[in-house]
PDB file of N, CA and C in Angstrom:
ATOM      1  N   GLN A   1     110.741  -3.543  70.762  1.00  0.00           N
ATOM      2  CA  GLN A   1     110.215  -2.890  69.553  1.00  0.00           C
ATOM      3  C   GLN A   1     109.719  -3.906  68.660  1.00  0.00           C
ATOM      4  N   ILE A   2     108.668  -3.712  67.986  1.00  0.00           N
ATOM      5  CA  ILE A   2     108.046  -4.520  66.884  1.00  0.00           C
ATOM      6  C   ILE A   2     108.534  -3.944  65.624  1.00  0.00           C
ATOM      7  N   VAL A   3     109.063  -4.860  64.883  1.00  0.00           N
ATOM      8  CA  VAL A   3     109.735  -4.375  63.480  1.00  0.00           C
ATOM      9  C   VAL A   3     108.579  -4.815  62.483  1.00  0.00           C
ATOM     10  N   SER A   4     107.946  -5.905  62.456  1.00  0.00           N
ATOM     11  CA  SER A   4     107.130  -6.366  61.359  1.00  0.00           C
ATOM     12  C   SER A   4     105.980  -7.271  61.913  1.00  0.00           C
ATOM     13  N   VAL A   5     104.771  -6.925  61.578  1.00  0.00           N
ATOM     14  CA  VAL A   5     103.686  -7.794  62.112  1.00  0.00           C
ATOM     15  C   VAL A   5     103.066  -8.401  60.890  1.00  0.00           C
ATOM     16  N   LYS A   6     102.494  -9.585  61.180  1.00  0.00           N
ATOM     17  CA  LYS A   6     101.700 -10.346  60.133  1.00  0.00           C
ATOM     18  C   LYS A   6     100.213 -10.210  60.412  1.00  0.00           C
ATOM     19  N   PRO A   7      99.493  -9.882  59.153  1.00  0.00           N
ATOM     20  CA  PRO A   7      98.047  -9.861  59.428  1.00  0.00           C
ATOM     21  C   PRO A   7      97.393 -11.293  59.640  1.00  0.00           C
ATOM     22  N   VAL A   8      96.459 -11.387  60.458  1.00  0.00           N
ATOM     23  CA  VAL A   8      95.726 -12.592  60.819  1.00  0.00           C
ATOM     24  C   VAL A   8      94.344 -12.375  60.234  1.00  0.00           C
ATOM     25  N   PRO A   9      94.024 -12.938  59.170  1.00  0.00           N
ATOM     26  CA  PRO A   9      92.758 -12.840  58.503  1.00  0.00           C
ATOM     27  C   PRO A   9      91.624 -13.556  59.298  1.00  0.00           C
ATOM     28  N   SER A  10      90.554 -13.079  59.347  1.00  0.00           N
ATOM     29  CA  SER A  10      89.255 -13.571  60.001  1.00  0.00           C
ATOM     30  C   SER A  10      88.570 -14.477  59.041  1.00  0.00           C
ATOM     31  N   GLU A  11      87.868 -15.496  59.620  1.00  0.00           N
ATOM     32  CA  GLU A  11      87.044 -16.226  58.751  1.00  0.00           C
ATOM     33  C   GLU A  11      86.090 -15.453  58.049  1.00  0.00           C
ATOM     34  N   ARG A  12      85.769 -15.776  56.742  1.00  0.00           N
ATOM     35  CA  ARG A  12      84.786 -15.071  56.013  1.00  0.00           C
ATOM     36  C   ARG A  12      83.659 -15.878  55.800  1.00  0.00           C
ATOM     37  N   PRO A  13      82.436 -15.675  56.418  1.00  0.00           N
ATOM     38  CA  PRO A  13      81.245 -16.569  56.272  1.00  0.00           C
ATOM     39  C   PRO A  13      80.746 -16.709  54.856  1.00  0.00           C
ATOM     40  N   GLU A  14      81.083 -15.766  53.991  1.00  0.00           N
ATOM     41  CA  GLU A  14      80.528 -15.925  52.520  1.00  0.00           C
ATOM     42  C   GLU A  14      81.362 -16.913  51.744  1.00  0.00           C
ATOM     43  N   PHE A  15      82.513 -17.331  52.356  1.00  0.00           N
ATOM     44  CA  PHE A  15      83.313 -18.321  51.700  1.00  0.00           C
ATOM     45  C   PHE A  15      83.265 -19.633  52.228  1.00  0.00           C
ATOM     46  N   ALA A  16      82.525 -19.748  53.364  1.00  0.00           N
ATOM     47  CA  ALA A  16      82.373 -21.137  54.036  1.00  0.00           C
ATOM     48  C   ALA A  16      81.713 -22.161  53.305  1.00  0.00           C
ATOM     49  N   GLY A  17      82.317 -23.199  52.954  1.00  0.00           N
ATOM     50  CA  GLY A  17      82.027 -24.480  52.162  1.00  0.00           C
ATOM     51  C   GLY A  17      82.072 -24.201  50.668  1.00  0.00           C
ATOM     52  N   LYS A  18      82.899 -23.114  50.355  1.00  0.00           N
ATOM     53  CA  LYS A  18      82.864 -22.891  48.820  1.00  0.00           C
ATOM     54  C   LYS A  18      84.334 -22.855  48.526  1.00  0.00           C
ATOM     55  N   GLU A  19      84.529 -23.392  47.234  1.00  0.00           N
ATOM     56  CA  GLU A  19      85.949 -23.215  46.722  1.00  0.00           C
ATOM     57  C   GLU A  19      86.231 -21.890  46.169  1.00  0.00           C
ATOM     58  N   VAL A  20      87.080 -21.158  46.737  1.00  0.00           N
ATOM     59  CA  VAL A  20      87.343 -19.732  46.373  1.00  0.00           C
ATOM     60  C   VAL A  20      88.683 -19.826  45.692  1.00  0.00           C
ATOM     61  N   PRO A  21      88.740 -19.012  44.535  1.00  0.00           N
ATOM     62  CA  PRO A  21      90.046 -18.952  43.797  1.00  0.00           C
ATOM     63  C   PRO A  21      91.136 -18.305  44.687  1.00  0.00           C
ATOM     64  N   SER A  22      92.306 -18.697  44.316  1.00  0.00           N
ATOM     65  CA  SER A  22      93.453 -18.444  45.264  1.00  0.00           C
ATOM     66  C   SER A  22      93.686 -16.804  45.257  1.00  0.00           C
ATOM     67  N   GLU A  23      93.454 -16.087  44.136  1.00  0.00           N
ATOM     68  CA  GLU A  23      93.505 -14.688  43.948  1.00  0.00           C
ATOM     69  C   GLU A  23      92.772 -14.026  45.002  1.00  0.00           C
ATOM     70  N   ILE A  24      91.467 -14.376  45.165  1.00  0.00           N
ATOM     71  CA  ILE A  24      90.486 -13.833  46.074  1.00  0.00           C
ATOM     72  C   ILE A  24      91.055 -14.011  47.472  1.00  0.00           C
ATOM     73  N   SER A  25      91.298 -15.303  47.874  1.00  0.00           N
ATOM     74  CA  SER A  25      91.650 -15.517  49.206  1.00  0.00           C
ATOM     75  C   SER A  25      92.940 -14.849  49.524  1.00  0.00           C
ATOM     76  N   CYS A  26      93.943 -14.705  48.662  1.00  0.00           N
ATOM     77  CA  CYS A  26      95.164 -13.831  48.824  1.00  0.00           C
ATOM     78  C   CYS A  26      94.785 -12.537  49.129  1.00  0.00           C
ATOM     79  N   PHE A  27      93.839 -11.990  48.464  1.00  0.00           N
ATOM     80  CA  PHE A  27      93.436 -10.580  48.603  1.00  0.00           C
ATOM     81  C   PHE A  27      93.051 -10.418  50.244  1.00  0.00           C
ATOM     82  N   TYR A  28      92.169 -11.214  50.509  1.00  0.00           N
ATOM     83  CA  TYR A  28      91.610 -11.113  51.857  1.00  0.00           C
ATOM     84  C   TYR A  28      92.602 -11.623  53.096  1.00  0.00           C
ATOM     85  N   ASN A  29      93.634 -12.194  52.661  1.00  0.00           N
ATOM     86  CA  ASN A  29      94.570 -12.547  53.627  1.00  0.00           C
ATOM     87  C   ASN A  29      95.333 -11.305  54.165  1.00  0.00           C
ATOM     88  N   THR A  30      95.436 -10.310  53.270  1.00  0.00           N
ATOM     89  CA  THR A  30      96.243  -9.109  53.691  1.00  0.00           C
ATOM     90  C   THR A  30      95.235  -7.721  53.679  1.00  0.00           C
ATOM     91  N   ASN A  31      94.014  -7.893  53.345  1.00  0.00           N
ATOM     92  CA  ASN A  31      93.161  -6.764  53.205  1.00  0.00           C
ATOM     93  C   ASN A  31      91.964  -6.958  54.207  1.00  0.00           C
ATOM     94  N   GLU A  32      91.369  -5.964  54.699  1.00  0.00           N
ATOM     95  CA  GLU A  32      90.228  -5.957  55.539  1.00  0.00           C
ATOM     96  C   GLU A  32      90.614  -6.799  56.832  1.00  0.00           C
ATOM     97  N   VAL A  33      91.658  -6.531  57.452  1.00  0.00           N
ATOM     98  CA  VAL A  33      92.272  -7.141  58.548  1.00  0.00           C
ATOM     99  C   VAL A  33      92.359  -6.279  59.733  1.00  0.00           C
ATOM    100  N   ASP A  34      91.803  -6.685  60.814  1.00  0.00           N
ATOM    101  CA  ASP A  34      92.028  -5.881  62.063  1.00  0.00           C
ATOM    102  C   ASP A  34      92.822  -6.553  63.247  1.00  0.00           C
ATOM    103  N   THR A  35      93.360  -7.743  62.870  1.00  0.00           N
ATOM    104  CA  THR A  35      94.143  -8.466  63.793  1.00  0.00           C
ATOM    105  C   THR A  35      95.522  -8.730  63.214  1.00  0.00           C
ATOM    106  N   PHE A  36      96.510  -8.493  64.025  1.00  0.00           N
ATOM    107  CA  PHE A  36      97.812  -8.686  63.609  1.00  0.00           C
ATOM    108  C   PHE A  36      98.723  -9.402  64.631  1.00  0.00           C
ATOM    109  N   GLN A  37      99.735 -10.135  64.227  1.00  0.00           N
ATOM    110  CA  GLN A  37     100.604 -10.816  65.251  1.00  0.00           C
ATOM    111  C   GLN A  37     102.143 -10.709  64.907  1.00  0.00           C
ATOM    112  N   PHE A  38     102.860 -10.616  66.066  1.00  0.00           N
ATOM    113  CA  PHE A  38     104.193 -10.583  66.115  1.00  0.00           C
ATOM    114  C   PHE A  38     104.860 -11.722  66.930  1.00  0.00           C
ATOM    115  N   ASP A  39     105.688 -12.532  66.399  1.00  0.00           N
ATOM    116  CA  ASP A  39     106.311 -13.705  67.072  1.00  0.00           C
ATOM    117  C   ASP A  39     107.783 -13.350  67.470  1.00  0.00           C
ATOM    118  N   ARG A  40     108.104 -13.569  68.671  1.00  0.00           N
ATOM    119  CA  ARG A  40     109.546 -13.391  69.088  1.00  0.00           C
ATOM    120  C   ARG A  40     110.020 -14.763  69.654  1.00  0.00           C
ATOM    121  N   PRO A  41     110.891 -15.467  68.928  1.00  0.00           N
ATOM    122  CA  PRO A  41     111.403 -16.568  69.319  1.00  0.00           C
ATOM    123  C   PRO A  41     112.471 -16.485  70.577  1.00  0.00           C
ATOM    124  N   TYR A  42     112.365 -17.402  71.499  1.00  0.00           N
ATOM    125  CA  TYR A  42     113.316 -17.429  72.667  1.00  0.00           C
ATOM    126  C   TYR A  42     113.589 -18.767  73.042  1.00  0.00           C
ATOM    127  N   HIS A  43     114.481 -19.046  73.880  1.00  0.00           N
ATOM    128  CA  HIS A  43     114.825 -20.392  74.389  1.00  0.00           C
ATOM    129  C   HIS A  43     114.440 -20.188  75.915  1.00  0.00           C
ATOM    130  N   ARG A  44     113.670 -21.269  76.387  1.00  0.00           N
ATOM    131  CA  ARG A  44     113.151 -21.322  77.776  1.00  0.00           C
ATOM    132  C   ARG A  44     114.380 -21.588  78.642  1.00  0.00           C
ATOM    133  N   ASP A  45     115.089 -22.589  78.547  1.00  0.00           N
ATOM    134  CA  ASP A  45     116.317 -23.037  79.208  1.00  0.00           C
ATOM    135  C   ASP A  45     117.512 -22.702  78.349  1.00  0.00           C
ATOM    136  N   SER A  46     118.689 -23.213  78.744  1.00  0.00           N
ATOM    137  CA  SER A  46     119.929 -23.075  77.999  1.00  0.00           C
ATOM    138  C   SER A  46     119.632 -23.835  76.730  1.00  0.00           C
ATOM    139  N   LYS A  47     120.147 -23.208  75.707  1.00  0.00           N
ATOM    140  CA  LYS A  47     120.061 -23.811  74.313  1.00  0.00           C
ATOM    141  C   LYS A  47     120.869 -25.025  74.124  1.00  0.00           C
ATOM    142  N   ASP A  48     120.228 -26.101  73.698  1.00  0.00           N
ATOM    143  CA  ASP A  48     120.850 -27.477  73.559  1.00  0.00           C
ATOM    144  C   ASP A  48     121.411 -27.368  72.173  1.00  0.00           C
ATOM    145  N   HIS A  49     122.681 -27.563  72.122  1.00  0.00           N
ATOM    146  CA  HIS A  49     123.283 -27.441  70.699  1.00  0.00           C
ATOM    147  C   HIS A  49     123.070 -28.659  69.807  1.00  0.00           C
ATOM    148  N   ASN A  50     122.730 -29.791  70.478  1.00  0.00           N
ATOM    149  CA  ASN A  50     122.374 -30.908  69.674  1.00  0.00           C
ATOM    150  C   ASN A  50     120.938 -31.010  69.108  1.00  0.00           C
ATOM    151  N   ASN A  51     120.047 -30.248  69.802  1.00  0.00           N
ATOM    152  CA  ASN A  51     118.690 -30.125  69.430  1.00  0.00           C
ATOM    153  C   ASN A  51     118.064 -28.644  69.836  1.00  0.00           C
ATOM    154  N   GLU A  52     118.399 -27.685  69.022  1.00  0.00           N
ATOM    155  CA  GLU A  52     118.007 -26.309  69.573  1.00  0.00           C
ATOM    156  C   GLU A  52     116.487 -26.132  69.453  1.00  0.00           C
ATOM    157  N   PHE A  53     115.771 -27.039  68.896  1.00  0.00           N
ATOM    158  CA  PHE A  53     114.274 -27.018  68.935  1.00  0.00           C
ATOM    159  C   PHE A  53     113.652 -27.429  70.126  1.00  0.00           C
ATOM    160  N   LYS A  54     114.454 -28.218  71.005  1.00  0.00           N
ATOM    161  CA  LYS A  54     113.886 -28.708  72.100  1.00  0.00           C
ATOM    162  C   LYS A  54     113.518 -27.634  73.227  1.00  0.00           C
ATOM    163  N   SER A  55     114.087 -26.594  73.138  1.00  0.00           N
ATOM    164  CA  SER A  55     113.830 -25.398  74.104  1.00  0.00           C
ATOM    165  C   SER A  55     113.311 -24.313  73.561  1.00  0.00           C
ATOM    166  N   LEU A  56     113.032 -24.291  72.148  1.00  0.00           N
ATOM    167  CA  LEU A  56     112.562 -23.066  71.382  1.00  0.00           C
ATOM    168  C   LEU A  56     111.158 -22.781  71.627  1.00  0.00           C
ATOM    169  N   CYS A  57     110.830 -21.528  72.188  1.00  0.00           N
ATOM    170  CA  CYS A  57     109.481 -21.166  72.441  1.00  0.00           C
ATOM    171  C   CYS A  57     109.112 -19.904  71.643  1.00  0.00           C
ATOM    172  N   LEU A  58     107.957 -19.467  71.579  1.00  0.00           N
ATOM    173  CA  LEU A  58     107.511 -18.204  70.994  1.00  0.00           C
ATOM    174  C   LEU A  58     106.670 -17.323  71.862  1.00  0.00           C
ATOM    175  N   GLU A  59     107.020 -16.145  71.912  1.00  0.00           N
ATOM    176  CA  GLU A  59     106.238 -15.175  72.470  1.00  0.00           C
ATOM    177  C   GLU A  59     105.437 -14.340  71.500  1.00  0.00           C
ATOM    178  N   ARG A  60     104.139 -14.769  71.304  1.00  0.00           N
ATOM    179  CA  ARG A  60     103.347 -14.191  70.278  1.00  0.00           C
ATOM    180  C   ARG A  60     102.489 -13.014  70.837  1.00  0.00           C
ATOM    181  N   THR A  61     102.700 -11.857  70.189  1.00  0.00           N
ATOM    182  CA  THR A  61     101.864 -10.627  70.595  1.00  0.00           C
ATOM    183  C   THR A  61     100.821 -10.471  69.542  1.00  0.00           C
ATOM    184  N   ILE A  62      99.511 -10.508  69.948  1.00  0.00           N
ATOM    185  CA  ILE A  62      98.389 -10.348  69.007  1.00  0.00           C
ATOM    186  C   ILE A  62      97.788  -8.949  69.328  1.00  0.00           C
ATOM    187  N   ILE A  63      97.636  -8.129  68.205  1.00  0.00           N
ATOM    188  CA  ILE A  63      97.225  -6.728  68.419  1.00  0.00           C
ATOM    189  C   ILE A  63      95.901  -6.641  67.496  1.00  0.00           C
ATOM    190  N   HIS A  64      94.889  -5.880  68.210  1.00  0.00           N
ATOM    191  CA  HIS A  64      93.592  -5.658  67.414  1.00  0.00           C
ATOM    192  C   HIS A  64      93.625  -4.127  67.300  1.00  0.00           C
ATOM    193  N   THR A  65      93.162  -3.752  65.967  1.00  0.00           N
ATOM    194  CA  THR A  65      92.925  -2.319  65.682  1.00  0.00           C
ATOM    195  C   THR A  65      91.467  -1.957  65.760  1.00  0.00           C
ATOM    196  N   SER A  66      91.260  -0.655  65.844  1.00  0.00           N
ATOM    197  CA  SER A  66      89.932  -0.148  65.951  1.00  0.00           C
ATOM    198  C   SER A  66      89.040  -0.330  64.595  1.00  0.00           C
ATOM    199  N   TYR A  67      89.749  -0.368  63.511  1.00  0.00           N
ATOM    200  CA  TYR A  67      89.008  -0.529  62.133  1.00  0.00           C
ATOM    201  C   TYR A  67      89.936  -1.422  61.341  1.00  0.00           C
ATOM    202  N   LYS A  68      89.379  -1.952  60.382  1.00  0.00           N
ATOM    203  CA  LYS A  68      90.137  -2.838  59.448  1.00  0.00           C
ATOM    204  C   LYS A  68      91.061  -2.075  58.602  1.00  0.00           C
ATOM    205  N   LEU A  69      92.159  -2.703  58.200  1.00  0.00           N
ATOM    206  CA  LEU A  69      93.153  -2.159  57.356  1.00  0.00           C
ATOM    207  C   LEU A  69      93.230  -2.707  56.019  1.00  0.00           C
ATOM    208  N   PRO A  70      93.547  -2.218  54.962  1.00  0.00           N
ATOM    209  CA  PRO A  70      93.867  -0.710  54.914  1.00  0.00           C
ATOM    210  C   PRO A  70      92.698   0.128  54.889  1.00  0.00           C
ATOM    211  N   GLY A  71      92.808   1.395  55.379  1.00  0.00           N
ATOM    212  CA  GLY A  71      91.721   2.224  55.460  1.00  0.00           C
ATOM    213  C   GLY A  71      92.084   3.506  54.883  1.00  0.00           C
ATOM    214  N   ILE A  72      91.185   4.553  54.997  1.00  0.00           N
ATOM    215  CA  ILE A  72      91.473   5.867  54.425  1.00  0.00           C
ATOM    216  C   ILE A  72      92.452   6.752  55.240  1.00  0.00           C
ATOM    217  N   LEU A  73      92.539   6.300  56.576  1.00  0.00           N
ATOM    218  CA  LEU A  73      93.466   7.088  57.363  1.00  0.00           C
ATOM    219  C   LEU A  73      94.954   6.343  57.335  1.00  0.00           C
ATOM    220  N   ARG A  74      95.976   7.040  57.777  1.00  0.00           N
ATOM    221  CA  ARG A  74      97.323   6.537  57.754  1.00  0.00           C
ATOM    222  C   ARG A  74      97.484   5.657  58.892  1.00  0.00           C
ATOM    223  N   TRP A  75      96.806   5.629  59.877  1.00  0.00           N
ATOM    224  CA  TRP A  75      96.872   4.821  61.162  1.00  0.00           C
ATOM    225  C   TRP A  75      95.548   4.694  61.910  1.00  0.00           C
ATOM    226  N   TYR A  76      95.340   3.570  62.605  1.00  0.00           N
ATOM    227  CA  TYR A  76      94.246   3.375  63.398  1.00  0.00           C
ATOM    228  C   TYR A  76      94.753   2.983  64.899  1.00  0.00           C
ATOM    229  N   GLU A  77      93.881   3.253  65.754  1.00  0.00           N
ATOM    230  CA  GLU A  77      94.151   3.049  67.310  1.00  0.00           C
ATOM    231  C   GLU A  77      94.235   1.559  67.507  1.00  0.00           C
ATOM    232  N   VAL A  78      95.267   0.989  68.283  1.00  0.00           N
ATOM    233  CA  VAL A  78      95.292  -0.285  68.725  1.00  0.00           C
ATOM    234  C   VAL A  78      94.431  -0.426  69.919  1.00  0.00           C
ATOM    235  N   THR A  79      93.315  -1.213  69.727  1.00  0.00           N
ATOM    236  CA  THR A  79      92.393  -1.306  70.898  1.00  0.00           C
ATOM    237  C   THR A  79      92.742  -2.376  71.820  1.00  0.00           C
ATOM    238  N   SER A  80      93.489  -3.489  71.570  1.00  0.00           N
ATOM    239  CA  SER A  80      93.922  -4.384  72.664  1.00  0.00           C
ATOM    240  C   SER A  80      95.188  -5.065  72.216  1.00  0.00           C
ATOM    241  N   THR A  81      95.914  -5.431  73.106  1.00  0.00           N
ATOM    242  CA  THR A  81      97.140  -6.264  72.838  1.00  0.00           C
ATOM    243  C   THR A  81      97.142  -7.378  73.775  1.00  0.00           C
ATOM    244  N   ARG A  82      97.528  -8.561  73.311  1.00  0.00           N
ATOM    245  CA  ARG A  82      97.600  -9.765  74.190  1.00  0.00           C
ATOM    246  C   ARG A  82      98.920 -10.485  73.891  1.00  0.00           C
ATOM    247  N   VAL A  83      99.464 -11.051  74.829  1.00  0.00           N
ATOM    248  CA  VAL A  83     100.684 -11.768  74.810  1.00  0.00           C
ATOM    249  C   VAL A  83     100.415 -13.282  75.035  1.00  0.00           C
ATOM    250  N   VAL A  84     100.738 -14.182  74.227  1.00  0.00           N
ATOM    251  CA  VAL A  84     100.679 -15.601  74.431  1.00  0.00           C
ATOM    252  C   VAL A  84     102.005 -16.242  74.344  1.00  0.00           C
ATOM    253  N   HIS A  85     102.294 -17.161  75.287  1.00  0.00           N
ATOM    254  CA  HIS A  85     103.612 -17.827  75.345  1.00  0.00           C
ATOM    255  C   HIS A  85     103.348 -19.241  74.775  1.00  0.00           C
ATOM    256  N   LEU A  86     104.000 -19.673  73.678  1.00  0.00           N
ATOM    257  CA  LEU A  86     103.971 -20.953  72.988  1.00  0.00           C
ATOM    258  C   LEU A  86     105.052 -21.838  73.409  1.00  0.00           C
ATOM    259  N   GLY A  87     104.817 -23.002  73.904  1.00  0.00           N
ATOM    260  CA  GLY A  87     105.900 -23.935  74.298  1.00  0.00           C
ATOM    261  C   GLY A  87     106.457 -24.579  73.167  1.00  0.00           C
ATOM    262  N   PRO A  88     107.645 -25.302  73.314  1.00  0.00           N
ATOM    263  CA  PRO A  88     108.331 -25.992  72.181  1.00  0.00           C
ATOM    264  C   PRO A  88     107.474 -26.873  71.300  1.00  0.00           C
ATOM    265  N   VAL A  89     106.445 -27.667  71.882  1.00  0.00           N
ATOM    266  CA  VAL A  89     105.652 -28.487  71.078  1.00  0.00           C
ATOM    267  C   VAL A  89     104.582 -27.668  70.292  1.00  0.00           C
ATOM    268  N   GLN A  90     104.083 -26.652  70.886  1.00  0.00           N
ATOM    269  CA  GLN A  90     103.196 -25.699  70.215  1.00  0.00           C
ATOM    270  C   GLN A  90     103.824 -24.929  69.164  1.00  0.00           C
ATOM    271  N   THR A  91     105.108 -24.514  69.308  1.00  0.00           N
ATOM    272  CA  THR A  91     105.923 -23.928  68.342  1.00  0.00           C
ATOM    273  C   THR A  91     106.140 -24.744  67.209  1.00  0.00           C
ATOM    274  N   ALA A  92     106.507 -25.979  67.484  1.00  0.00           N
ATOM    275  CA  ALA A  92     106.734 -26.942  66.244  1.00  0.00           C
ATOM    276  C   ALA A  92     105.442 -27.313  65.536  1.00  0.00           C
ATOM    277  N   SER A  93     104.489 -27.368  66.381  1.00  0.00           N
ATOM    278  CA  SER A  93     103.162 -27.672  65.555  1.00  0.00           C
ATOM    279  C   SER A  93     102.674 -26.514  64.719  1.00  0.00           C
ATOM    280  N   ASP A  94     102.901 -25.134  65.376  1.00  0.00           N
ATOM    281  CA  ASP A  94     102.584 -23.950  64.644  1.00  0.00           C
ATOM    282  C   ASP A  94     103.432 -23.918  63.361  1.00  0.00           C
ATOM    283  N   THR A  95     104.674 -24.199  63.395  1.00  0.00           N
ATOM    284  CA  THR A  95     105.569 -24.245  62.281  1.00  0.00           C
ATOM    285  C   THR A  95     105.075 -25.098  61.214  1.00  0.00           C
ATOM    286  N   VAL A  96     104.758 -26.320  61.570  1.00  0.00           N
ATOM    287  CA  VAL A  96     104.117 -27.273  60.595  1.00  0.00           C
ATOM    288  C   VAL A  96     103.044 -26.953  59.844  1.00  0.00           C
ATOM    289  N   VAL A  97     101.965 -26.308  60.554  1.00  0.00           N
ATOM    290  CA  VAL A  97     100.893 -25.753  60.039  1.00  0.00           C
ATOM    291  C   VAL A  97     101.174 -24.624  59.014  1.00  0.00           C
ATOM    292  N   GLN A  98     102.023 -23.786  59.387  1.00  0.00           N
ATOM    293  CA  GLN A  98     102.360 -22.560  58.469  1.00  0.00           C
ATOM    294  C   GLN A  98     103.078 -23.292  57.229  1.00  0.00           C
ATOM    295  N   MET A  99     104.004 -24.191  57.480  1.00  0.00           N
ATOM    296  CA  MET A  99     104.625 -24.755  56.170  1.00  0.00           C
ATOM    297  C   MET A  99     103.704 -25.598  55.304  1.00  0.00           C
ATOM    298  N   ASN A 100     102.769 -26.169  55.901  1.00  0.00           N
ATOM    299  CA  ASN A 100     101.675 -26.912  55.260  1.00  0.00           C
ATOM    300  C   ASN A 100     100.875 -25.886  54.259  1.00  0.00           C
ATOM    301  N   ALA A 101     100.607 -24.825  54.832  1.00  0.00           N
ATOM    302  CA  ALA A 101      99.869 -23.837  54.059  1.00  0.00           C
ATOM    303  C   ALA A 101     100.603 -23.231  52.886  1.00  0.00           C
ATOM    304  N   VAL A 102     102.039 -23.033  53.091  1.00  0.00           N
ATOM    305  CA  VAL A 102     102.861 -22.530  52.119  1.00  0.00           C
ATOM    306  C   VAL A 102     102.989 -23.684  50.992  1.00  0.00           C
ATOM    307  N   LEU A 103     103.045 -24.975  51.179  1.00  0.00           N
ATOM    308  CA  LEU A 103     103.152 -26.080  50.260  1.00  0.00           C
ATOM    309  C   LEU A 103     101.873 -26.106  49.585  1.00  0.00           C
ATOM    310  N   ARG A 104     100.716 -26.061  50.195  1.00  0.00           N
ATOM    311  CA  ARG A 104      99.460 -26.152  49.626  1.00  0.00           C
ATOM    312  C   ARG A 104      99.183 -24.881  48.587  1.00  0.00           C
ATOM    313  N   SER A 105      99.617 -23.790  49.033  1.00  0.00           N
ATOM    314  CA  SER A 105      99.666 -22.637  48.110  1.00  0.00           C
ATOM    315  C   SER A 105     100.448 -22.731  46.749  1.00  0.00           C
ATOM    316  N   SER A 106     101.736 -23.396  47.089  1.00  0.00           N
ATOM    317  CA  SER A 106     102.624 -23.618  46.019  1.00  0.00           C
ATOM    318  C   SER A 106     102.026 -24.640  45.049  1.00  0.00           C
ATOM    319  N   SER A 107     101.447 -25.625  45.632  1.00  0.00           N
ATOM    320  CA  SER A 107     100.749 -26.747  44.742  1.00  0.00           C
ATOM    321  C   SER A 107      99.687 -26.083  43.904  1.00  0.00           C
ATOM    322  N   GLN A 108      98.801 -25.425  44.561  1.00  0.00           N
ATOM    323  CA  GLN A 108      97.784 -24.859  43.927  1.00  0.00           C
ATOM    324  C   GLN A 108      98.239 -23.961  42.710  1.00  0.00           C
ATOM    325  N   ASN A 109      99.166 -23.099  43.011  1.00  0.00           N
ATOM    326  CA  ASN A 109      99.712 -22.345  42.010  1.00  0.00           C
ATOM    327  C   ASN A 109     100.290 -23.041  40.851  1.00  0.00           C
ATOM    328  N   ALA A 110     101.076 -24.178  41.219  1.00  0.00           N
ATOM    329  CA  ALA A 110     101.598 -25.016  40.097  1.00  0.00           C
ATOM    330  C   ALA A 110     100.529 -25.691  39.313  1.00  0.00           C
ATOM    331  N   LEU A 111      99.440 -26.011  39.836  1.00  0.00           N
ATOM    332  CA  LEU A 111      98.467 -26.762  39.156  1.00  0.00           C
ATOM    333  C   LEU A 111      97.680 -25.716  38.207  1.00  0.00           C
ATOM    334  N   ALA A 112      97.507 -24.640  38.837  1.00  0.00           N
ATOM    335  CA  ALA A 112      96.840 -23.478  38.000  1.00  0.00           C
ATOM    336  C   ALA A 112      97.670 -22.854  36.861  1.00  0.00           C
ATOM    337  N   ASN A 113      98.951 -23.034  37.075  1.00  0.00           N
ATOM    338  CA  ASN A 113      99.890 -22.466  36.010  1.00  0.00           C
ATOM    339  C   ASN A 113     100.980 -23.459  35.728  1.00  0.00           C
ATOM    340  N   PRO A 114     100.552 -24.551  34.925  1.00  0.00           N
ATOM    341  CA  PRO A 114     101.554 -25.610  34.652  1.00  0.00           C
ATOM    342  C   PRO A 114     102.645 -25.061  33.692  1.00  0.00           C
ATOM    343  N   ASP A 115     102.515 -24.128  32.865  1.00  0.00           N
ATOM    344  CA  ASP A 115     103.438 -23.672  31.953  1.00  0.00           C
ATOM    345  C   ASP A 115     104.519 -22.817  32.662  1.00  0.00           C
ATOM    346  N   GLN A 116     104.218 -22.398  33.855  1.00  0.00           N
ATOM    347  CA  GLN A 116     105.318 -21.586  34.560  1.00  0.00           C
ATOM    348  C   GLN A 116     106.156 -22.471  35.504  1.00  0.00           C
ATOM    349  N   LEU A 117     106.075 -23.750  35.352  1.00  0.00           N
ATOM    350  CA  LEU A 117     106.827 -24.626  36.270  1.00  0.00           C
ATOM    351  C   LEU A 117     108.343 -24.618  35.765  1.00  0.00           C
ATOM    352  N   LEU A 118     109.259 -24.630  36.806  1.00  0.00           N
ATOM    353  CA  LEU A 118     110.726 -24.732  36.378  1.00  0.00           C
ATOM    354  C   LEU A 118     111.053 -26.219  36.150  1.00  0.00           C
ATOM    355  N   ARG A 119     111.825 -26.492  35.117  1.00  0.00           N
ATOM    356  CA  ARG A 119     112.305 -27.848  34.907  1.00  0.00           C
ATOM    357  C   ARG A 119     113.687 -28.071  35.095  1.00  0.00           C
TER     358      ARG A 119
END
């Protein structure tokens, strides 16, 4: 059972090579999206209590819908589903990329709104 899926935004050619305000890029990260993913972590072998990340893998389910969401209908047909298994190194690399994106977003937000920084 899939509880929550994350939108996977597509590259927008109109933004290529341009500096886009964070508000606009945030909008397109969750709107006009037809690809979603769900990650399920699991341990390939027995879990090593000294280093649990050594055997941590991800089963990533990628879902494509017939139309981009949100739309005028309450639901759209899922046209394809693909399951990809990521090994421990790929899982760690993916986590680092995601955390870098979060830090970059926080940094840009702090630079754009210096009066809102906590001291």
